[in-house]
Amino acid sequence: MATITVRNLDDEVQKRLKKRAAANDRSMEAEARAILSNAVAGADFAAGWLEATRATRGDILPIPERSVPRNIDIE
């Protein structure tokens, strides 16, 4: 396992992290680990999805013209 040190963390960020950790019944360290893990997992998912759909993507579809909405009497 690797260890990282975060320097110059804004006090407000630290307070929000502490509050979020408490809401999730975790330590601040565990909460930071969860946030980092989710952040990099999302990037892999998006990259994989883009690669998987590359062949099915085509030209941009034209947006059809729309008519003006009709008036309705609601009384």
PDB file of N, CA and C in Angstrom:
ATOM      1  N   MET A   1       0.836  -1.184   0.000  1.00  0.00           N
ATOM      2  CA  MET A   1       0.000   0.000   0.000  1.00  0.00           C
ATOM      3  C   MET A   1       0.876   1.241   0.000  1.00  0.00           C
ATOM      4  N   ALA A   2       0.472   2.216  -0.765  1.00  0.00           N
ATOM      5  CA  ALA A   2       1.206   3.478  -0.831  1.00  0.00           C
ATOM      6  C   ALA A   2       0.647   4.461   0.194  1.00  0.00           C
ATOM      7  N   THR A   3       1.459   5.434   0.530  1.00  0.00           N
ATOM      8  CA  THR A   3       1.057   6.489   1.449  1.00  0.00           C
ATOM      9  C   THR A   3       1.235   7.826   0.752  1.00  0.00           C
ATOM     10  N   ILE A   4       0.252   8.707   0.894  1.00  0.00           N
ATOM     11  CA  ILE A   4       0.391  10.051   0.343  1.00  0.00           C
ATOM     12  C   ILE A   4       0.170  11.063   1.458  1.00  0.00           C
ATOM     13  N   THR A   5       0.747  12.225   1.293  1.00  0.00           N
ATOM     14  CA  THR A   5       0.559  13.325   2.228  1.00  0.00           C
ATOM     15  C   THR A   5      -0.027  14.486   1.455  1.00  0.00           C
ATOM     16  N   VAL A   6      -1.076  15.075   1.990  1.00  0.00           N
ATOM     17  CA  VAL A   6      -1.703  16.225   1.347  1.00  0.00           C
ATOM     18  C   VAL A   6      -1.344  17.463   2.156  1.00  0.00           C
ATOM     19  N   ARG A   7      -0.583  18.343   1.546  1.00  0.00           N
ATOM     20  CA  ARG A   7      -0.171  19.569   2.221  1.00  0.00           C
ATOM     21  C   ARG A   7      -1.057  20.726   1.782  1.00  0.00           C
ATOM     22  N   ASN A   8      -1.107  21.741   2.622  1.00  0.00           N
ATOM     23  CA  ASN A   8      -1.824  22.984   2.325  1.00  0.00           C
ATOM     24  C   ASN A   8      -3.303  22.753   2.013  1.00  0.00           C
ATOM     25  N   LEU A   9      -3.919  21.834   2.723  1.00  0.00           N
ATOM     26  CA  LEU A   9      -5.347  21.585   2.556  1.00  0.00           C
ATOM     27  C   LEU A   9      -6.115  22.720   3.215  1.00  0.00           C
ATOM     28  N   ASP A  10      -7.010  23.321   2.477  1.00  0.00           N
ATOM     29  CA  ASP A  10      -7.802  24.436   2.972  1.00  0.00           C
ATOM     30  C   ASP A  10      -8.617  23.998   4.195  1.00  0.00           C
ATOM     31  N   ASP A  11      -8.717  24.869   5.179  1.00  0.00           N
ATOM     32  CA  ASP A  11      -9.452  24.539   6.408  1.00  0.00           C
ATOM     33  C   ASP A  11     -10.903  24.167   6.121  1.00  0.00           C
ATOM     34  N   GLU A  12     -11.520  24.864   5.184  1.00  0.00           N
ATOM     35  CA  GLU A  12     -12.920  24.582   4.852  1.00  0.00           C
ATOM     36  C   GLU A  12     -13.064  23.193   4.224  1.00  0.00           C
ATOM     37  N   VAL A  13     -12.119  22.806   3.405  1.00  0.00           N
ATOM     38  CA  VAL A  13     -12.134  21.463   2.799  1.00  0.00           C
ATOM     39  C   VAL A  13     -11.994  20.410   3.893  1.00  0.00           C
ATOM     40  N   GLN A  14     -11.107  20.664   4.840  1.00  0.00           N
ATOM     41  CA  GLN A  14     -10.905  19.728   5.948  1.00  0.00           C
ATOM     42  C   GLN A  14     -12.183  19.587   6.764  1.00  0.00           C
ATOM     43  N   LYS A  15     -12.874  20.688   7.027  1.00  0.00           N
ATOM     44  CA  LYS A  15     -14.122  20.631   7.795  1.00  0.00           C
ATOM     45  C   LYS A  15     -15.193  19.835   7.053  1.00  0.00           C
ATOM     46  N   ARG A  16     -15.297  20.078   5.740  1.00  0.00           N
ATOM     47  CA  ARG A  16     -16.309  19.352   4.952  1.00  0.00           C
ATOM     48  C   ARG A  16     -15.973  17.871   4.863  1.00  0.00           C
ATOM     49  N   LEU A  17     -14.687  17.544   4.759  1.00  0.00           N
ATOM     50  CA  LEU A  17     -14.268  16.141   4.731  1.00  0.00           C
ATOM     51  C   LEU A  17     -14.592  15.464   6.055  1.00  0.00           C
ATOM     52  N   LYS A  18     -14.338  16.155   7.151  1.00  0.00           N
ATOM     53  CA  LYS A  18     -14.634  15.602   8.474  1.00  0.00           C
ATOM     54  C   LYS A  18     -16.135  15.369   8.635  1.00  0.00           C
ATOM     55  N   LYS A  19     -16.949  16.325   8.170  1.00  0.00           N
ATOM     56  CA  LYS A  19     -18.412  16.195   8.257  1.00  0.00           C
ATOM     57  C   LYS A  19     -18.909  15.037   7.390  1.00  0.00           C
ATOM     58  N   ARG A  20     -18.351  14.940   6.183  1.00  0.00           N
ATOM     59  CA  ARG A  20     -18.745  13.856   5.274  1.00  0.00           C
ATOM     60  C   ARG A  20     -18.348  12.496   5.833  1.00  0.00           C
ATOM     61  N   ALA A  21     -17.161  12.426   6.443  1.00  0.00           N
ATOM     62  CA  ALA A  21     -16.699  11.171   7.049  1.00  0.00           C
ATOM     63  C   ALA A  21     -17.620  10.750   8.179  1.00  0.00           C
ATOM     64  N   ALA A  22     -18.006  11.710   9.008  1.00  0.00           N
ATOM     65  CA  ALA A  22     -18.908  11.393  10.121  1.00  0.00           C
ATOM     66  C   ALA A  22     -20.261  10.907   9.603  1.00  0.00           C
ATOM     67  N   ALA A  23     -20.756  11.532   8.545  1.00  0.00           N
ATOM     68  CA  ALA A  23     -22.051  11.124   7.973  1.00  0.00           C
ATOM     69  C   ALA A  23     -21.992   9.705   7.422  1.00  0.00           C
ATOM     70  N   ASN A  24     -20.809   9.289   6.959  1.00  0.00           N
ATOM     71  CA  ASN A  24     -20.637   7.939   6.415  1.00  0.00           C
ATOM     72  C   ASN A  24     -20.058   6.967   7.433  1.00  0.00           C
ATOM     73  N   ASP A  25     -19.971   7.414   8.699  1.00  0.00           N
ATOM     74  CA  ASP A  25     -19.451   6.590   9.788  1.00  0.00           C
ATOM     75  C   ASP A  25     -18.054   6.046   9.476  1.00  0.00           C
ATOM     76  N   ARG A  26     -17.168   6.954   8.981  1.00  0.00           N
ATOM     77  CA  ARG A  26     -15.800   6.582   8.654  1.00  0.00           C
ATOM     78  C   ARG A  26     -14.846   7.623   9.238  1.00  0.00           C
ATOM     79  N   SER A  27     -13.585   7.272   9.293  1.00  0.00           N
ATOM     80  CA  SER A  27     -12.555   8.239   9.658  1.00  0.00           C
ATOM     81  C   SER A  27     -12.321   9.155   8.458  1.00  0.00           C
ATOM     82  N   MET A  28     -11.660  10.282   8.709  1.00  0.00           N
ATOM     83  CA  MET A  28     -11.341  11.182   7.602  1.00  0.00           C
ATOM     84  C   MET A  28     -10.430  10.485   6.588  1.00  0.00           C
ATOM     85  N   GLU A  29      -9.501   9.692   7.082  1.00  0.00           N
ATOM     86  CA  GLU A  29      -8.594   8.974   6.195  1.00  0.00           C
ATOM     87  C   GLU A  29      -9.356   7.987   5.312  1.00  0.00           C
ATOM     88  N   ALA A  30     -10.291   7.241   5.914  1.00  0.00           N
ATOM     89  CA  ALA A  30     -11.088   6.283   5.150  1.00  0.00           C
ATOM     90  C   ALA A  30     -11.977   7.004   4.137  1.00  0.00           C
ATOM     91  N   GLU A  31     -12.501   8.149   4.525  1.00  0.00           N
ATOM     92  CA  GLU A  31     -13.347   8.929   3.612  1.00  0.00           C
ATOM     93  C   GLU A  31     -12.522   9.431   2.426  1.00  0.00           C
ATOM     94  N   ALA A  32     -11.313   9.931   2.700  1.00  0.00           N
ATOM     95  CA  ALA A  32     -10.433  10.401   1.623  1.00  0.00           C
ATOM     96  C   ALA A  32     -10.088   9.247   0.684  1.00  0.00           C
ATOM     97  N   ARG A  33      -9.829   8.061   1.234  1.00  0.00           N
ATOM     98  CA  ARG A  33      -9.550   6.882   0.400  1.00  0.00           C
ATOM     99  C   ARG A  33     -10.733   6.559  -0.504  1.00  0.00           C
ATOM    100  N   ALA A  34     -11.939   6.601   0.064  1.00  0.00           N
ATOM    101  CA  ALA A  34     -13.144   6.296  -0.715  1.00  0.00           C
ATOM    102  C   ALA A  34     -13.344   7.321  -1.835  1.00  0.00           C
ATOM    103  N   ILE A  35     -13.136   8.594  -1.521  1.00  0.00           N
ATOM    104  CA  ILE A  35     -13.285   9.649  -2.529  1.00  0.00           C
ATOM    105  C   ILE A  35     -12.278   9.451  -3.657  1.00  0.00           C
ATOM    106  N   LEU A  36     -11.020   9.202  -3.309  1.00  0.00           N
ATOM    107  CA  LEU A  36      -9.993   8.995  -4.336  1.00  0.00           C
ATOM    108  C   LEU A  36     -10.268   7.751  -5.173  1.00  0.00           C
ATOM    109  N   SER A  37     -10.674   6.672  -4.527  1.00  0.00           N
ATOM    110  CA  SER A  37     -10.981   5.433  -5.266  1.00  0.00           C
ATOM    111  C   SER A  37     -12.122   5.640  -6.237  1.00  0.00           C
ATOM    112  N   ASN A  38     -13.177   6.316  -5.797  1.00  0.00           N
ATOM    113  CA  ASN A  38     -14.322   6.581  -6.677  1.00  0.00           C
ATOM    114  C   ASN A  38     -13.939   7.509  -7.825  1.00  0.00           C
ATOM    115  N   ALA A  39     -13.083   8.483  -7.552  1.00  0.00           N
ATOM    116  CA  ALA A  39     -12.686   9.436  -8.587  1.00  0.00           C
ATOM    117  C   ALA A  39     -11.935   8.752  -9.718  1.00  0.00           C
ATOM    118  N   VAL A  40     -11.005   7.866  -9.393  1.00  0.00           N
ATOM    119  CA  VAL A  40     -10.241   7.213 -10.455  1.00  0.00           C
ATOM    120  C   VAL A  40     -11.019   6.071 -11.095  1.00  0.00           C
ATOM    121  N   ALA A  41     -11.930   5.458 -10.378  1.00  0.00           N
ATOM    122  CA  ALA A  41     -12.757   4.405 -10.970  1.00  0.00           C
ATOM    123  C   ALA A  41     -13.685   4.998 -12.010  1.00  0.00           C
ATOM    124  N   GLY A  42     -14.219   6.184 -11.748  1.00  0.00           N
ATOM    125  CA  GLY A  42     -15.110   6.842 -12.697  1.00  0.00           C
ATOM    126  C   GLY A  42     -14.402   7.184 -13.993  1.00  0.00           C
ATOM    127  N   ALA A  43     -13.137   7.574 -13.911  1.00  0.00           N
ATOM    128  CA  ALA A  43     -12.378   7.918 -15.115  1.00  0.00           C
ATOM    129  C   ALA A  43     -12.183   6.677 -15.984  1.00  0.00           C
ATOM    130  N   ASP A  44     -11.895   5.539 -15.368  1.00  0.00           N
ATOM    131  CA  ASP A  44     -11.722   4.310 -16.122  1.00  0.00           C
ATOM    132  C   ASP A  44     -13.023   3.887 -16.781  1.00  0.00           C
ATOM    133  N   PHE A  45     -14.130   4.049 -16.089  1.00  0.00           N
ATOM    134  CA  PHE A  45     -15.426   3.685 -16.651  1.00  0.00           C
ATOM    135  C   PHE A  45     -15.729   4.543 -17.879  1.00  0.00           C
ATOM    136  N   ALA A  46     -15.531   5.844 -17.753  1.00  0.00           N
ATOM    137  CA  ALA A  46     -15.834   6.749 -18.864  1.00  0.00           C
ATOM    138  C   ALA A  46     -14.946   6.441 -20.066  1.00  0.00           C
ATOM    139  N   ALA A  47     -13.668   6.227 -19.836  1.00  0.00           N
ATOM    140  CA  ALA A  47     -12.751   5.918 -20.935  1.00  0.00           C
ATOM    141  C   ALA A  47     -13.142   4.600 -21.603  1.00  0.00           C
ATOM    142  N   GLY A  48     -13.494   3.615 -20.799  1.00  0.00           N
ATOM    143  CA  GLY A  48     -13.923   2.325 -21.344  1.00  0.00           C
ATOM    144  C   GLY A  48     -15.203   2.432 -22.145  1.00  0.00           C
ATOM    145  N   TRP A  49     -16.131   3.216 -21.650  1.00  0.00           N
ATOM    146  CA  TRP A  49     -17.402   3.404 -22.351  1.00  0.00           C
ATOM    147  C   TRP A  49     -17.179   4.109 -23.685  1.00  0.00           C
ATOM    148  N   LEU A  50     -16.345   5.144 -23.686  1.00  0.00           N
ATOM    149  CA  LEU A  50     -16.059   5.841 -24.938  1.00  0.00           C
ATOM    150  C   LEU A  50     -15.412   4.911 -25.958  1.00  0.00           C
ATOM    151  N   GLU A  51     -14.496   4.099 -25.508  1.00  0.00           N
ATOM    152  CA  GLU A  51     -13.832   3.153 -26.412  1.00  0.00           C
ATOM    153  C   GLU A  51     -14.820   2.113 -26.932  1.00  0.00           C
ATOM    154  N   ALA A  52     -15.677   1.610 -26.058  1.00  0.00           N
ATOM    155  CA  ALA A  52     -16.641   0.579 -26.458  1.00  0.00           C
ATOM    156  C   ALA A  52     -17.677   1.102 -27.441  1.00  0.00           C
ATOM    157  N   THR A  53     -18.019   2.372 -27.362  1.00  0.00           N
ATOM    158  CA  THR A  53     -19.059   2.927 -28.234  1.00  0.00           C
ATOM    159  C   THR A  53     -18.488   3.645 -29.454  1.00  0.00           C
ATOM    160  N   ARG A  54     -17.169   3.645 -29.610  1.00  0.00           N
ATOM    161  CA  ARG A  54     -16.539   4.361 -30.729  1.00  0.00           C
ATOM    162  C   ARG A  54     -17.108   3.914 -32.076  1.00  0.00           C
ATOM    163  N   ALA A  55     -17.295   2.617 -32.282  1.00  0.00           N
ATOM    164  CA  ALA A  55     -17.761   2.093 -33.565  1.00  0.00           C
ATOM    165  C   ALA A  55     -19.215   2.441 -33.842  1.00  0.00           C
ATOM    166  N   THR A  56     -20.015   2.631 -32.806  1.00  0.00           N
ATOM    167  CA  THR A  56     -21.436   2.891 -33.017  1.00  0.00           C
ATOM    168  C   THR A  56     -21.764   4.374 -33.125  1.00  0.00           C
ATOM    169  N   ARG A  57     -20.796   5.215 -32.838  1.00  0.00           N
ATOM    170  CA  ARG A  57     -21.049   6.649 -32.959  1.00  0.00           C
ATOM    171  C   ARG A  57     -20.969   7.058 -34.410  1.00  0.00           C
ATOM    172  N   GLY A  58     -21.880   7.901 -34.829  1.00  0.00           N
ATOM    173  CA  GLY A  58     -21.893   8.343 -36.222  1.00  0.00           C
ATOM    174  C   GLY A  58     -21.977   9.848 -36.307  1.00  0.00           C
ATOM    175  N   ASP A  59     -22.588  10.280 -37.380  1.00  0.00           N
ATOM    176  CA  ASP A  59     -22.752  11.717 -37.586  1.00  0.00           C
ATOM    177  C   ASP A  59     -23.718  12.290 -36.558  1.00  0.00           C
ATOM    178  N   ILE A  60     -23.592  13.580 -36.351  1.00  0.00           N
ATOM    179  CA  ILE A  60     -24.520  14.261 -35.451  1.00  0.00           C
ATOM    180  C   ILE A  60     -25.884  14.305 -36.123  1.00  0.00           C
ATOM    181  N   LEU A  61     -26.892  13.877 -35.416  1.00  0.00           N
ATOM    182  CA  LEU A  61     -28.240  13.851 -35.982  1.00  0.00           C
ATOM    183  C   LEU A  61     -28.804  15.260 -36.064  1.00  0.00           C
ATOM    184  N   PRO A  62     -29.514  15.555 -37.158  1.00  0.00           N
ATOM    185  CA  PRO A  62     -30.099  16.893 -37.280  1.00  0.00           C
ATOM    186  C   PRO A  62     -31.274  17.057 -36.316  1.00  0.00           C
ATOM    187  N   ILE A  63     -31.438  18.262 -35.813  1.00  0.00           N
ATOM    188  CA  ILE A  63     -32.574  18.558 -34.933  1.00  0.00           C
ATOM    189  C   ILE A  63     -33.710  19.061 -35.813  1.00  0.00           C
ATOM    190  N   PRO A  64     -34.859  18.373 -35.796  1.00  0.00           N
ATOM    191  CA  PRO A  64     -35.961  18.788 -36.669  1.00  0.00           C
ATOM    192  C   PRO A  64     -36.545  20.136 -36.220  1.00  0.00           C
ATOM    193  N   GLU A  65     -37.086  20.856 -37.182  1.00  0.00           N
ATOM    194  CA  GLU A  65     -37.743  22.119 -36.856  1.00  0.00           C
ATOM    195  C   GLU A  65     -39.002  21.829 -36.058  1.00  0.00           C
ATOM    196  N   ARG A  66     -39.320  22.741 -35.182  1.00  0.00           N
ATOM    197  CA  ARG A  66     -40.501  22.555 -34.341  1.00  0.00           C
ATOM    198  C   ARG A  66     -41.474  23.682 -34.600  1.00  0.00           C
ATOM    199  N   SER A  67     -42.745  23.369 -34.467  1.00  0.00           N
ATOM    200  CA  SER A  67     -43.772  24.401 -34.664  1.00  0.00           C
ATOM    201  C   SER A  67     -43.988  25.166 -33.372  1.00  0.00           C
ATOM    202  N   VAL A  68     -44.635  26.293 -33.475  1.00  0.00           N
ATOM    203  CA  VAL A  68     -44.948  27.119 -32.315  1.00  0.00           C
ATOM    204  C   VAL A  68     -46.021  26.399 -31.501  1.00  0.00           C
ATOM    205  N   PRO A  69     -45.919  26.384 -30.171  1.00  0.00           N
ATOM    206  CA  PRO A  69     -46.935  25.715 -29.370  1.00  0.00           C
ATOM    207  C   PRO A  69     -48.322  26.347 -29.594  1.00  0.00           C
ATOM    208  N   ARG A  70     -49.337  25.530 -29.583  1.00  0.00           N
ATOM    209  CA  ARG A  70     -50.693  26.056 -29.776  1.00  0.00           C
ATOM    210  C   ARG A  70     -51.235  26.591 -28.446  1.00  0.00           C
ATOM    211  N   ASN A  71     -52.149  27.522 -28.543  1.00  0.00           N
ATOM    212  CA  ASN A  71     -52.792  28.075 -27.359  1.00  0.00           C
ATOM    213  C   ASN A  71     -53.894  27.144 -26.895  1.00  0.00           C
ATOM    214  N   ILE A  72     -54.003  26.961 -25.595  1.00  0.00           N
ATOM    215  CA  ILE A  72     -55.074  26.144 -25.048  1.00  0.00           C
ATOM    216  C   ILE A  72     -55.860  26.972 -24.042  1.00  0.00           C
ATOM    217  N   ASP A  73     -57.157  26.794 -24.064  1.00  0.00           N
ATOM    218  CA  ASP A  73     -58.019  27.501 -23.128  1.00  0.00           C
ATOM    219  C   ASP A  73     -58.251  26.557 -21.936  1.00  0.00           C
ATOM    220  N   ILE A  74     -57.804  26.946 -20.745  1.00  0.00           N
ATOM    221  CA  ILE A  74     -57.897  26.055 -19.587  1.00  0.00           C
ATOM    222  C   ILE A  74     -59.096  26.375 -18.705  1.00  0.00           C
ATOM    223  N   GLU A  75     -59.924  27.273 -19.080  1.00  0.00           N
ATOM    224  CA  GLU A  75     -61.074  27.634 -18.218  1.00  0.00           C
ATOM    225  C   GLU A  75     -62.137  26.600 -18.208  1.00  0.00           C
TER     226      GLU A  75
END
